[in-house]
């Protein structure tokens, strides 16, 4: 039995002024997978303090770098 269709997630990275200098995409099976990848990619963008994860017009999460240690 095959896996279900992948979802397209958007990662909107934001800085301290709440500007969004970066946008990235991820094809994933579910929200949990997208959150793991979003946090990993946030680590690559030192000028950003957080990332919003969206899927099909729905905000999945808004994560901040200072919260990632607790996740």
N, C-alpha and C. Protein backbone atom coordinates (compact mmCIF):
# COMPACT_ATOMS: atom_id res chain seq x y z
N UNK A 1 0.85 -1.18 0.00
CA UNK A 1 0.00 0.00 0.00
C UNK A 1 0.89 1.24 0.00
N UNK A 2 0.67 2.16 -0.91
CA UNK A 2 1.51 3.34 -1.04
C UNK A 2 1.14 4.44 -0.07
N UNK A 3 2.05 5.36 0.08
CA UNK A 3 1.81 6.52 0.93
C UNK A 3 0.82 7.45 0.25
N UNK A 4 0.19 8.29 1.05
CA UNK A 4 -0.75 9.25 0.51
C UNK A 4 -0.03 10.36 -0.23
N UNK A 5 -0.78 11.25 -0.82
CA UNK A 5 -0.17 12.36 -1.57
C UNK A 5 0.62 13.28 -0.65
N UNK A 6 1.67 13.85 -1.19
CA UNK A 6 2.45 14.81 -0.43
C UNK A 6 1.74 16.16 -0.43
N UNK A 7 1.93 16.89 0.63
CA UNK A 7 1.39 18.24 0.74
C UNK A 7 2.52 19.23 0.47
N UNK A 8 2.16 20.37 -0.09
CA UNK A 8 3.15 21.41 -0.34
C UNK A 8 3.07 22.43 0.80
N UNK A 9 4.16 22.55 1.53
CA UNK A 9 4.24 23.50 2.65
C UNK A 9 5.09 24.70 2.23
N UNK A 10 4.68 25.87 2.70
CA UNK A 10 5.44 27.09 2.49
C UNK A 10 6.08 27.47 3.82
N UNK A 11 7.34 27.86 3.78
CA UNK A 11 8.05 28.34 4.95
C UNK A 11 8.32 29.83 4.75
N UNK A 12 7.69 30.66 5.57
CA UNK A 12 7.88 32.10 5.52
C UNK A 12 8.79 32.48 6.69
N UNK A 13 10.04 32.74 6.41
CA UNK A 13 10.99 33.11 7.46
C UNK A 13 10.83 34.59 7.77
N UNK A 14 10.95 34.95 9.05
CA UNK A 14 10.81 36.36 9.43
C UNK A 14 11.95 36.79 10.34
N UNK A 15 12.23 38.11 10.29
CA UNK A 15 13.31 38.66 11.10
C UNK A 15 12.73 39.38 12.32
N UNK A 16 13.58 40.06 13.08
CA UNK A 16 13.13 40.73 14.31
C UNK A 16 12.08 41.81 14.06
N UNK A 17 12.12 42.41 12.89
CA UNK A 17 11.15 43.46 12.53
C UNK A 17 9.90 42.87 11.89
N UNK A 18 9.77 41.57 11.89
CA UNK A 18 8.64 40.83 11.31
C UNK A 18 8.58 40.97 9.78
N UNK A 19 9.72 41.31 9.17
CA UNK A 19 9.81 41.28 7.70
C UNK A 19 10.04 39.84 7.29
N UNK A 20 9.69 39.53 6.06
CA UNK A 20 9.82 38.17 5.55
C UNK A 20 10.80 38.14 4.37
N UNK A 21 12.11 38.07 4.70
CA UNK A 21 13.10 38.12 3.63
C UNK A 21 13.27 36.82 2.85
N UNK A 22 12.72 35.73 3.35
CA UNK A 22 12.92 34.43 2.70
C UNK A 22 11.63 33.64 2.62
N UNK A 23 11.51 32.89 1.53
CA UNK A 23 10.39 31.96 1.33
C UNK A 23 10.99 30.66 0.82
N UNK A 24 10.52 29.56 1.37
CA UNK A 24 11.00 28.25 0.95
C UNK A 24 9.80 27.30 0.89
N UNK A 25 9.98 26.17 0.23
CA UNK A 25 8.90 25.20 0.08
C UNK A 25 9.39 23.82 0.48
N UNK A 26 8.43 22.96 0.86
CA UNK A 26 8.74 21.60 1.26
C UNK A 26 7.57 20.71 0.89
N UNK A 27 7.84 19.59 0.25
CA UNK A 27 6.81 18.58 -0.02
C UNK A 27 6.89 17.54 1.08
N UNK A 28 5.84 17.43 1.87
CA UNK A 28 5.88 16.50 2.99
C UNK A 28 4.59 15.75 3.19
N UNK A 29 4.68 14.69 3.95
CA UNK A 29 3.53 13.83 4.20
C UNK A 29 2.54 14.42 5.20
N UNK A 30 3.06 15.20 6.18
CA UNK A 30 2.17 15.71 7.22
C UNK A 30 2.78 16.92 7.92
N UNK A 31 1.99 17.53 8.81
CA UNK A 31 2.42 18.73 9.52
C UNK A 31 3.66 18.47 10.37
N UNK A 32 3.71 17.34 11.04
CA UNK A 32 4.86 17.03 11.91
C UNK A 32 6.17 17.03 11.12
N UNK A 33 6.16 16.42 9.96
CA UNK A 33 7.37 16.40 9.13
C UNK A 33 7.74 17.81 8.70
N UNK A 34 6.75 18.62 8.36
CA UNK A 34 7.02 19.99 7.92
C UNK A 34 7.64 20.81 9.05
N UNK A 35 7.18 20.62 10.28
CA UNK A 35 7.72 21.38 11.41
C UNK A 35 9.18 21.02 11.66
N UNK A 36 9.51 19.76 11.55
CA UNK A 36 10.89 19.32 11.75
C UNK A 36 11.80 19.96 10.71
N UNK A 37 11.38 19.95 9.46
CA UNK A 37 12.18 20.52 8.38
C UNK A 37 12.25 22.04 8.51
N UNK A 38 11.15 22.68 8.89
CA UNK A 38 11.15 24.14 9.05
C UNK A 38 12.17 24.58 10.09
N UNK A 39 12.23 23.88 11.21
CA UNK A 39 13.21 24.22 12.25
C UNK A 39 14.64 23.98 11.78
N UNK A 40 14.85 22.93 11.03
CA UNK A 40 16.19 22.65 10.50
C UNK A 40 16.61 23.73 9.52
N UNK A 41 15.69 24.17 8.67
CA UNK A 41 16.02 25.22 7.71
C UNK A 41 16.18 26.58 8.38
N UNK A 42 15.45 26.81 9.47
CA UNK A 42 15.62 28.05 10.22
C UNK A 42 17.05 28.16 10.74
N UNK A 43 17.64 27.05 11.12
CA UNK A 43 19.01 27.05 11.61
C UNK A 43 19.99 27.53 10.53
N UNK A 44 19.62 27.41 9.26
CA UNK A 44 20.47 27.84 8.15
C UNK A 44 20.39 29.35 7.89
N UNK A 45 19.42 30.02 8.47
CA UNK A 45 19.17 31.43 8.18
C UNK A 45 19.34 32.24 9.47
N UNK A 46 20.56 32.59 9.78
CA UNK A 46 20.87 33.25 11.05
C UNK A 46 20.23 34.62 11.20
N UNK A 47 19.92 35.31 10.11
CA UNK A 47 19.31 36.64 10.21
C UNK A 47 17.83 36.57 10.56
N UNK A 48 17.25 35.39 10.52
CA UNK A 48 15.82 35.22 10.81
C UNK A 48 15.63 34.71 12.24
N UNK A 49 14.55 35.16 12.87
CA UNK A 49 14.26 34.73 14.24
C UNK A 49 13.15 33.68 14.29
N UNK A 50 12.49 33.45 13.16
CA UNK A 50 11.42 32.47 13.17
C UNK A 50 10.93 32.11 11.78
N UNK A 51 9.96 31.20 11.76
CA UNK A 51 9.40 30.74 10.50
C UNK A 51 7.92 30.43 10.71
N UNK A 52 7.11 30.86 9.74
CA UNK A 52 5.71 30.46 9.70
C UNK A 52 5.59 29.33 8.70
N UNK A 53 4.83 28.32 9.06
CA UNK A 53 4.62 27.17 8.18
C UNK A 53 3.16 27.21 7.72
N UNK A 54 2.97 27.22 6.40
CA UNK A 54 1.63 27.27 5.80
C UNK A 54 1.44 26.09 4.87
N UNK A 55 0.19 25.64 4.80
CA UNK A 55 -0.17 24.57 3.85
C UNK A 55 -1.57 24.86 3.34
N UNK A 56 -1.69 25.04 2.03
CA UNK A 56 -2.98 25.28 1.38
C UNK A 56 -3.77 26.42 2.03
N UNK A 57 -3.09 27.53 2.30
CA UNK A 57 -3.76 28.68 2.89
C UNK A 57 -3.99 28.61 4.38
N UNK A 58 -3.54 27.55 5.00
CA UNK A 58 -3.74 27.33 6.44
C UNK A 58 -2.39 27.52 7.14
N UNK A 59 -2.39 28.33 8.23
CA UNK A 59 -1.17 28.45 9.00
C UNK A 59 -1.07 27.25 9.94
N UNK A 60 -0.02 26.48 9.75
CA UNK A 60 0.21 25.28 10.57
C UNK A 60 0.85 25.68 11.89
N UNK A 61 1.85 26.59 11.82
CA UNK A 61 2.55 27.00 13.03
C UNK A 61 3.36 28.26 12.77
N UNK A 62 3.63 28.96 13.83
CA UNK A 62 4.58 30.09 13.81
C UNK A 62 5.61 29.77 14.89
N UNK A 63 6.81 29.47 14.45
CA UNK A 63 7.87 29.03 15.34
C UNK A 63 8.95 30.11 15.45
N UNK A 64 9.45 30.31 16.65
CA UNK A 64 10.56 31.23 16.87
C UNK A 64 11.79 30.44 17.26
N UNK A 65 12.93 30.97 16.88
CA UNK A 65 14.20 30.31 17.17
C UNK A 65 14.34 30.00 18.67
N UNK A 66 13.92 30.94 19.52
CA UNK A 66 14.05 30.75 20.97
C UNK A 66 13.09 29.69 21.51
N UNK A 67 12.11 29.27 20.74
CA UNK A 67 11.18 28.20 21.14
C UNK A 67 11.69 26.82 20.72
N UNK A 68 12.60 26.78 19.77
CA UNK A 68 12.97 25.50 19.16
C UNK A 68 13.64 24.56 20.15
N UNK A 69 14.28 25.07 21.17
CA UNK A 69 14.91 24.20 22.17
C UNK A 69 13.86 23.43 22.96
N UNK A 70 12.66 24.01 23.07
CA UNK A 70 11.61 23.35 23.84
C UNK A 70 10.84 22.32 23.01
N UNK A 71 11.03 22.33 21.71
CA UNK A 71 10.27 21.41 20.85
C UNK A 71 10.94 20.07 20.70
